[in-house]
């Protein structure tokens, strides 16, 4: 071996020895920390056996007496800190468009009409209405007040005017999008709208490519099954328009607004602070998710029959859906999550959901965790 090669060899050997020594010292200190550290606290967590085995549905009534559950009575936070956000003062509204956002009366084409048929529950339909306004702006079209879904699972016969203030909706957005209840009779005759459907999360470019050519030719287009048919990422001014529709233009009618205020007042009489929950544990939601909750053949048969009404859904894979976090939380899991966040058993809960799958048996664990449980059935009268 040449002298220079021997020197490089000895040098590499010294570096290797130093590296091994450094690693050994690090491992030694980690070992000390590992064996000297106290065990993690588990007094605030439910028993392991309970987390692995959700409660059976027949546990209603005696559920709170079961010995395998040990959720703490009080929350982990104290005072009013849990009801506040230290960063809330930095949040501000962002619905006002920039100076580059041209007025609707300048860009709207008089021979373009957009009709929308919403789909799903009220929350989904509200999202569809918001997106419909933005799509009309993208297409420089006049939006005809959207039609609500009256054929869905709930068979709700309500129309737009039964739920939202139509006059306010049209006037508040008049600078952004032209909206009409129906095409005026004294205007040029509007042909029957061409019916079509766009893919979900359709971008601005998608609408310009798929819908605009047909709209320019037919002058009237109806987009059906309009739920989540607009991309999340849009130009800033279009995103601001979304906010403007959602938080300002869509006002409930006076009777609904009054009833909502009355329910809030009655909850405030119970407690200064309360949590309003939408459990999303209705039969149709569970069927759509394709998840399995341990109810045996009865659940599989019942939810499977509901799932068949969505003809385009793939065959469900419950294990994969749960691994991907796509399964709605059970009422019990919601209660455990709230308790882990620090909300004690003295907190008042208002559940705004519809029919909960499994009824009282399914709600029993949540009611045991939060005995101050309220719903429209408990704080509203039959006259309401």
Protein backbone atom coordinates (compact mmCIF):
# COMPACT_ATOMS: atom_id res chain seq x y z
CA UNK A 1 0.00 0.00 0.00
CA UNK A 2 1.34 3.47 -0.95
CA UNK A 3 1.99 5.98 1.91
CA UNK A 4 -0.78 8.32 0.71
CA UNK A 5 -3.25 5.44 0.58
CA UNK A 6 -2.29 4.35 4.12
CA UNK A 7 -2.79 7.93 5.38
CA UNK A 8 -6.28 8.06 3.79
CA UNK A 9 -7.07 4.65 5.26
CA UNK A 10 -6.04 5.70 8.78
CA UNK A 11 -7.93 8.97 8.40
CA UNK A 12 -11.14 7.19 7.36
CA UNK A 13 -10.72 4.74 10.21
CA UNK A 14 -10.42 7.58 12.72
CA UNK A 15 -13.58 9.28 11.34
CA UNK A 16 -15.44 5.96 11.50
CA UNK A 17 -14.42 5.38 15.10
CA UNK A 18 -15.49 8.88 16.11
CA UNK A 19 -18.89 8.41 14.42
CA UNK A 20 -19.47 5.11 16.20
CA UNK A 21 -18.48 6.66 19.52
CA UNK A 22 -20.88 9.58 18.99
CA UNK A 23 -23.73 7.21 18.13
CA UNK A 24 -22.94 5.15 21.21
CA UNK A 25 -23.10 8.21 23.48
CA UNK A 26 -26.46 9.26 21.94
CA UNK A 27 -27.90 5.80 22.45
CA UNK A 28 -26.68 5.81 26.05
CA UNK A 29 -28.47 9.08 26.82
CA UNK A 30 -31.65 7.95 25.04
CA UNK A 31 -31.60 4.80 27.15
CA UNK A 32 -31.32 6.87 30.33
CA UNK A 33 -34.23 9.08 29.26
CA UNK A 34 -36.35 6.10 28.29
CA UNK A 35 -35.98 4.26 31.58
CA UNK A 36 -36.15 7.34 33.81
CA UNK A 37 -39.17 9.02 32.16
CA UNK A 38 -42.52 8.59 33.94
CA UNK A 39 -45.22 6.58 32.14
CA UNK A 40 -47.74 8.60 30.07
CA UNK A 41 -50.90 9.73 31.82
CA UNK A 42 -53.98 7.72 30.95
CA UNK A 43 -56.37 8.88 33.64
CA UNK A 44 -58.12 11.20 31.19
CA UNK A 45 -58.62 8.48 28.57
CA UNK A 46 -61.34 5.84 28.36
CA UNK A 47 -60.40 2.27 29.18
CA UNK A 48 -58.49 0.46 26.38
CA UNK A 49 -61.01 -2.34 26.25
CA UNK A 50 -63.79 0.18 25.62
CA UNK A 51 -61.92 1.86 22.78
CA UNK A 52 -61.50 -1.44 21.00
CA UNK A 53 -65.09 -2.55 21.49
CA UNK A 54 -67.80 0.08 21.00
CA UNK A 55 -70.87 -0.32 23.14
CA UNK A 56 -73.63 -2.63 22.00
CA UNK A 57 -76.85 -0.92 21.10
CA UNK A 58 -78.79 -2.66 23.84
CA UNK A 59 -76.79 -0.75 26.45
CA UNK A 60 -79.40 2.02 26.71
CA UNK A 61 -80.56 2.71 30.25
CA UNK A 62 -77.77 0.85 32.09
CA UNK A 63 -74.96 2.21 29.94
CA UNK A 64 -73.63 4.64 32.54
CA UNK A 65 -73.36 1.81 35.06
CA UNK A 66 -71.02 -0.31 32.94
CA UNK A 67 -67.68 -0.71 34.68
CA UNK A 68 -65.48 -0.76 31.58
CA UNK A 69 -65.88 2.94 30.86
CA UNK A 70 -63.90 5.56 32.79
CA UNK A 71 -64.19 8.90 30.99
CA UNK A 72 -63.52 11.75 33.43
CA UNK A 73 -66.42 13.87 34.57
CA UNK A 74 -64.64 17.21 34.20
CA UNK A 75 -62.83 18.58 31.19
CA UNK A 76 -59.07 19.08 31.04
CA UNK A 77 -59.39 22.85 30.56
CA UNK A 78 -60.88 25.26 33.05
CA UNK A 79 -62.83 28.48 33.02
CA UNK A 80 -63.83 30.18 29.79
CA UNK A 81 -60.60 29.40 27.94
CA UNK A 82 -62.15 26.42 26.21
CA UNK A 83 -64.84 28.62 24.65
CA UNK A 84 -62.42 31.16 23.24
CA UNK A 85 -59.78 31.37 20.52
CA UNK A 86 -56.75 33.50 21.26
CA UNK A 87 -56.39 34.24 17.52
CA UNK A 88 -60.02 35.17 16.85
CA UNK A 89 -59.27 38.90 16.90
CA UNK A 90 -57.11 38.46 13.81
CA UNK A 91 -59.90 36.98 11.65
CA UNK A 92 -61.79 39.29 9.30
CA UNK A 93 -64.33 39.07 6.50
CA UNK A 94 -63.10 38.78 2.93
CA UNK A 95 -66.19 38.92 0.73
CA UNK A 96 -65.62 42.31 -0.90
CA UNK A 97 -64.32 41.97 -4.45
CA UNK A 98 -61.34 43.89 -5.79
CA UNK A 99 -61.62 46.87 -8.13
CA UNK A 100 -60.84 44.54 -11.04
CA UNK A 101 -64.14 42.67 -10.55
CA UNK A 102 -66.36 44.14 -13.27
CA UNK A 103 -70.03 44.84 -12.53
CA UNK A 104 -72.58 42.28 -13.67
CA UNK A 105 -74.46 44.67 -15.94
CA UNK A 106 -71.29 45.13 -18.00
CA UNK A 107 -70.38 41.49 -18.61
CA UNK A 108 -73.71 39.61 -18.54
CA UNK A 109 -74.90 38.41 -21.94
CA UNK A 110 -78.63 38.92 -22.43
CA UNK A 111 -79.06 35.63 -24.32
CA UNK A 112 -77.50 33.31 -21.76
CA UNK A 113 -79.60 31.70 -19.03
CA UNK A 114 -78.34 29.23 -16.46
CA UNK A 115 -80.79 26.91 -14.69
CA UNK A 116 -79.69 24.83 -11.73
CA UNK A 117 -81.23 21.70 -10.19
CA UNK A 118 -79.66 21.16 -6.76
CA UNK A 119 -79.22 17.78 -5.14
CA UNK A 120 -78.91 16.23 -1.67
CA UNK A 121 -79.81 17.51 1.77
CA UNK A 122 -80.16 21.19 2.65
CA UNK A 123 -76.46 21.62 3.40
CA UNK A 124 -75.49 20.14 0.03
CA UNK A 125 -78.13 22.21 -1.74
CA UNK A 126 -76.89 25.37 -0.04
CA UNK A 127 -73.40 24.61 -1.34
CA UNK A 128 -74.89 24.05 -4.79
CA UNK A 129 -76.64 27.44 -4.71
CA UNK A 130 -73.40 29.18 -3.71
CA UNK A 131 -71.51 27.49 -6.53
CA UNK A 132 -74.32 28.23 -9.00
CA UNK A 133 -73.83 31.97 -8.49
CA UNK A 134 -70.12 31.66 -9.17
CA UNK A 135 -70.69 29.49 -12.27
CA UNK A 136 -73.14 32.05 -13.66
CA UNK A 137 -70.43 34.68 -13.20
CA UNK A 138 -67.87 32.48 -14.98
CA UNK A 139 -70.24 31.99 -17.92
CA UNK A 140 -71.43 35.65 -17.98
CA UNK A 141 -74.96 34.29 -17.76
CA UNK A 142 -78.19 35.24 -16.01
CA UNK A 143 -78.92 32.83 -13.17
CA UNK A 144 -82.49 31.67 -12.72
CA UNK A 145 -83.23 31.11 -9.02
CA UNK A 146 -82.16 27.48 -8.40
CA UNK A 147 -84.70 24.71 -7.89
CA UNK A 148 -84.37 22.70 -4.71
CA UNK A 149 -84.25 18.92 -4.70
CA UNK A 150 -87.72 17.57 -3.91
CA UNK A 151 -87.02 13.98 -4.93
CA UNK A 152 -84.24 13.14 -2.51
CA UNK A 153 -84.32 10.78 0.45
CA UNK A 154 -86.15 13.32 2.64
CA UNK A 155 -88.97 14.04 0.14
CA UNK A 156 -89.01 17.69 1.24
CA UNK A 157 -91.47 19.72 -0.85
CA UNK A 158 -89.91 23.08 0.13
CA UNK A 159 -88.83 25.42 -2.62
CA UNK A 160 -86.19 28.17 -2.58
CA UNK A 161 -88.66 30.85 -1.48
CA UNK A 162 -89.88 28.68 1.41
CA UNK A 163 -86.41 28.67 2.97
CA UNK A 164 -84.45 31.68 1.70
CA UNK A 165 -85.35 35.34 1.20
CA UNK A 166 -85.50 35.51 -2.61
CA UNK A 167 -85.73 39.31 -2.86
CA UNK A 168 -82.68 39.83 -0.68
CA UNK A 169 -80.76 37.12 -2.58
CA UNK A 170 -81.36 38.83 -5.93
CA UNK A 171 -80.78 42.42 -4.81
CA UNK A 172 -77.71 41.78 -2.66
CA UNK A 173 -75.87 40.08 -5.54
CA UNK A 174 -77.09 42.44 -8.28
CA UNK A 175 -73.63 44.00 -8.76
CA UNK A 176 -71.99 40.60 -9.11
CA UNK A 177 -74.44 38.34 -10.99
CA UNK A 178 -77.79 38.99 -12.64
CA UNK A 179 -80.40 36.74 -11.01
CA UNK A 180 -84.09 36.40 -11.92
CA UNK A 181 -86.94 34.34 -10.56
CA UNK A 182 -88.01 33.43 -14.07
CA UNK A 183 -87.08 34.84 -17.49
CA UNK A 184 -89.27 37.90 -18.12
CA UNK A 185 -92.11 37.47 -20.60
CA UNK A 186 -91.30 40.73 -22.39
CA UNK A 187 -87.78 39.54 -23.12
CA UNK A 188 -86.94 37.41 -26.11
CA UNK A 189 -88.37 33.93 -25.84
CA UNK A 190 -86.10 31.65 -23.85
CA UNK A 191 -85.93 28.12 -25.29
CA UNK A 192 -86.27 25.04 -23.13
CA UNK A 193 -82.95 24.60 -21.36
CA UNK A 194 -80.54 21.97 -22.58
CA UNK A 195 -80.02 19.50 -19.72
CA UNK A 196 -76.53 18.33 -18.90
CA UNK A 197 -74.27 17.38 -16.01
CA UNK A 198 -70.70 18.44 -15.33
CA UNK A 199 -68.10 16.41 -13.42
CA UNK A 200 -67.49 17.12 -9.78
CA UNK A 201 -64.92 19.78 -8.91
CA UNK A 202 -65.19 21.27 -12.39
CA UNK A 203 -62.76 24.20 -12.78
CA UNK A 204 -63.28 27.56 -14.52
CA UNK A 205 -61.58 26.15 -17.59
CA UNK A 206 -63.82 23.09 -17.37
CA UNK A 207 -66.96 25.23 -17.51
CA UNK A 208 -65.60 27.36 -20.33
CA UNK A 209 -64.78 24.25 -22.33
CA UNK A 210 -67.79 22.02 -21.55
CA UNK A 211 -70.71 24.36 -20.88
CA UNK A 212 -70.01 27.70 -22.54
CA UNK A 213 -70.11 26.43 -26.18
CA UNK A 214 -73.49 24.77 -25.56
CA UNK A 215 -74.79 27.85 -23.75
CA UNK A 216 -73.76 30.10 -26.65
CA UNK A 217 -75.57 27.80 -29.08
CA UNK A 218 -78.68 26.90 -27.03
CA UNK A 219 -78.92 30.11 -24.95
CA UNK A 220 -80.27 28.15 -21.95
CA UNK A 221 -78.62 25.31 -20.03
CA UNK A 222 -79.79 23.40 -16.98
CA UNK A 223 -77.11 21.73 -14.85
CA UNK A 224 -78.59 18.76 -13.00
CA UNK A 225 -77.40 16.99 -9.84
CA UNK A 226 -75.60 20.19 -8.97
CA UNK A 227 -73.72 19.24 -5.81
CA UNK A 228 -70.00 19.93 -5.42
CA UNK A 229 -69.71 20.63 -9.16
CA UNK A 230 -67.26 23.51 -8.81
CA UNK A 231 -63.56 23.26 -7.97
CA UNK A 232 -62.35 24.37 -4.55
CA UNK A 233 -59.52 26.48 -5.92
CA UNK A 234 -60.66 29.49 -7.92
CA UNK A 235 -59.51 33.01 -8.65
CA UNK A 236 -59.46 35.17 -5.53
CA UNK A 237 -62.44 37.33 -6.54
CA UNK A 238 -64.51 34.25 -7.31
CA UNK A 239 -63.65 32.80 -3.90
CA UNK A 240 -64.74 36.09 -2.35
CA UNK A 241 -68.00 35.85 -4.26
CA UNK A 242 -68.52 32.41 -2.71
CA UNK A 243 -68.11 33.96 0.74
CA UNK A 244 -70.47 36.80 -0.12
CA UNK A 245 -73.22 34.37 -1.16
CA UNK A 246 -72.76 32.07 1.81
CA UNK A 247 -72.44 34.61 4.60
CA UNK A 248 -74.50 37.53 3.31
CA UNK A 249 -76.81 36.75 0.38
CA UNK A 250 -78.43 33.53 1.63
CA UNK A 251 -80.74 34.73 4.40
CA UNK A 252 -83.42 32.51 5.84
CA UNK A 253 -87.02 33.65 5.61
CA UNK A 254 -88.39 35.57 8.58
CA UNK A 255 -90.30 32.63 10.14
CA UNK A 256 -87.20 30.39 10.03
CA UNK A 257 -84.96 33.18 11.29
CA UNK A 258 -87.36 33.88 14.15
CA UNK A 259 -87.61 30.21 15.11
CA UNK A 260 -83.83 29.82 15.04
CA UNK A 261 -83.44 32.83 17.32
CA UNK A 262 -86.04 31.41 19.68
CA UNK A 263 -84.21 28.07 19.93
CA UNK A 264 -80.93 29.87 20.63
CA UNK A 265 -82.65 31.92 23.34
CA UNK A 266 -84.01 28.78 25.00
CA UNK A 267 -80.57 27.16 24.94
CA UNK A 268 -79.05 30.30 26.46
CA UNK A 269 -81.52 30.00 29.31
CA UNK A 270 -80.04 26.56 30.00
CA UNK A 271 -76.40 27.65 29.84
CA UNK A 272 -74.31 30.62 28.70
CA UNK A 273 -72.28 28.30 26.47
CA UNK A 274 -73.36 25.20 24.60
CA UNK A 275 -72.24 23.00 21.70
CA UNK A 276 -74.42 22.52 18.62
CA UNK A 277 -73.78 19.20 16.89
CA UNK A 278 -74.74 17.86 13.49
CA UNK A 279 -73.94 14.19 13.97
CA UNK A 280 -74.25 13.17 10.30
CA UNK A 281 -75.34 9.71 11.47
CA UNK A 282 -78.54 9.48 9.47
CA UNK A 283 -79.33 6.26 7.55
CA UNK A 284 -78.67 7.79 4.13
CA UNK A 285 -75.30 9.19 5.22
CA UNK A 286 -74.15 5.82 6.55
CA UNK A 287 -75.39 4.06 3.43
CA UNK A 288 -73.59 6.52 1.18
CA UNK A 289 -70.32 6.11 3.12
CA UNK A 290 -70.40 2.32 2.76
CA UNK A 291 -69.01 1.93 6.28
CA UNK A 292 -69.82 -0.86 8.72
CA UNK A 293 -70.64 -0.23 12.39
CA UNK A 294 -71.02 -3.71 13.81
CA UNK A 295 -74.78 -4.09 13.50
CA UNK A 296 -74.65 -7.47 11.77
CA UNK A 297 -76.74 -8.66 8.84
CA UNK A 298 -79.62 -6.32 9.73
CA UNK A 299 -77.48 -3.19 9.21
CA UNK A 300 -75.86 -4.58 6.08
CA UNK A 301 -79.27 -5.34 4.59
CA UNK A 302 -80.95 -2.04 5.57
CA UNK A 303 -78.09 0.28 4.63
CA UNK A 304 -77.35 -1.72 1.49
CA UNK A 305 -80.94 -1.22 0.29
CA UNK A 306 -80.62 2.57 0.78
CA UNK A 307 -77.23 2.63 -0.96
CA UNK A 308 -78.73 1.18 -4.14
CA UNK A 309 -80.46 4.48 -4.91
CA UNK A 310 -77.04 5.89 -5.90
CA UNK A 311 -76.54 3.89 -9.06
CA UNK A 312 -73.06 5.27 -9.75
CA UNK A 313 -71.50 4.27 -6.40
CA UNK A 314 -68.82 1.61 -6.42
CA UNK A 315 -69.04 -1.56 -4.35
CA UNK A 316 -68.30 -0.55 -0.77
CA UNK A 317 -65.13 -1.57 1.04
CA UNK A 318 -65.83 -0.79 4.71
CA UNK A 319 -62.31 -1.57 5.97
CA UNK A 320 -60.66 0.68 3.40
CA UNK A 321 -63.15 3.49 4.00
CA UNK A 322 -62.39 3.44 7.73
CA UNK A 323 -58.62 3.36 7.17
CA UNK A 324 -58.98 6.42 4.93
CA UNK A 325 -60.96 8.28 7.59
CA UNK A 326 -64.11 8.50 5.48
CA UNK A 327 -66.53 6.97 7.97
CA UNK A 328 -68.86 9.29 9.94
CA UNK A 329 -68.14 9.25 13.65
CA UNK A 330 -70.68 7.48 15.82
CA UNK A 331 -72.38 9.58 18.52
CA UNK A 332 -70.24 7.73 21.05
CA UNK A 333 -67.04 8.65 19.21
CA UNK A 334 -68.16 12.28 18.97
CA UNK A 335 -68.71 12.34 22.73
CA UNK A 336 -65.29 10.85 23.42
CA UNK A 337 -63.66 13.38 21.10
CA UNK A 338 -65.38 16.31 22.85
CA UNK A 339 -64.36 14.94 26.23
CA UNK A 340 -60.76 14.59 25.02
CA UNK A 341 -60.85 18.23 23.86
CA UNK A 342 -61.67 19.23 27.42
CA UNK A 343 -65.45 19.60 27.57
CA UNK A 344 -66.83 18.20 30.83
CA UNK A 345 -70.07 16.36 31.51
CA UNK A 346 -71.71 19.60 32.68
CA UNK A 347 -71.60 21.06 29.14
CA UNK A 348 -74.93 21.42 27.35
CA UNK A 349 -75.26 19.77 23.94
CA UNK A 350 -77.80 20.65 21.23
CA UNK A 351 -78.09 17.97 18.54
CA UNK A 352 -79.41 19.39 15.28
CA UNK A 353 -79.35 16.13 13.32
CA UNK A 354 -82.25 14.39 11.68
CA UNK A 355 -83.12 10.77 12.32
CA UNK A 356 -80.12 9.05 13.96
CA UNK A 357 -79.62 5.49 12.77
CA UNK A 358 -80.31 3.12 15.64
CA UNK A 359 -82.35 5.70 17.57
CA UNK A 360 -81.99 5.94 21.32
CA UNK A 361 -79.69 2.93 21.55
CA UNK A 362 -77.14 4.73 19.38
CA UNK A 363 -77.51 8.02 21.27
CA UNK A 364 -77.22 6.44 24.73
CA UNK A 365 -73.39 6.69 25.03
CA UNK A 366 -73.41 10.37 24.02
CA UNK A 367 -76.18 11.13 26.49
CA UNK A 368 -74.24 9.34 29.24
CA UNK A 369 -71.15 11.43 28.50
CA UNK A 370 -73.20 14.64 28.29
CA UNK A 371 -76.43 14.32 30.32
CA UNK A 372 -77.45 17.90 29.42
CA UNK A 373 -78.65 16.73 26.02
CA UNK A 374 -81.08 18.81 23.96
CA UNK A 375 -82.74 18.68 20.56
CA UNK A 376 -85.66 20.36 18.83
CA UNK A 377 -87.88 17.69 20.39
CA UNK A 378 -86.91 18.76 23.92
CA UNK A 379 -86.84 22.57 23.62
CA UNK A 380 -89.52 23.19 21.00
CA UNK A 381 -93.24 22.64 21.40
CA UNK A 382 -95.62 21.01 18.94
CA UNK A 383 -96.97 24.45 18.08
CA UNK A 384 -93.46 25.53 17.05
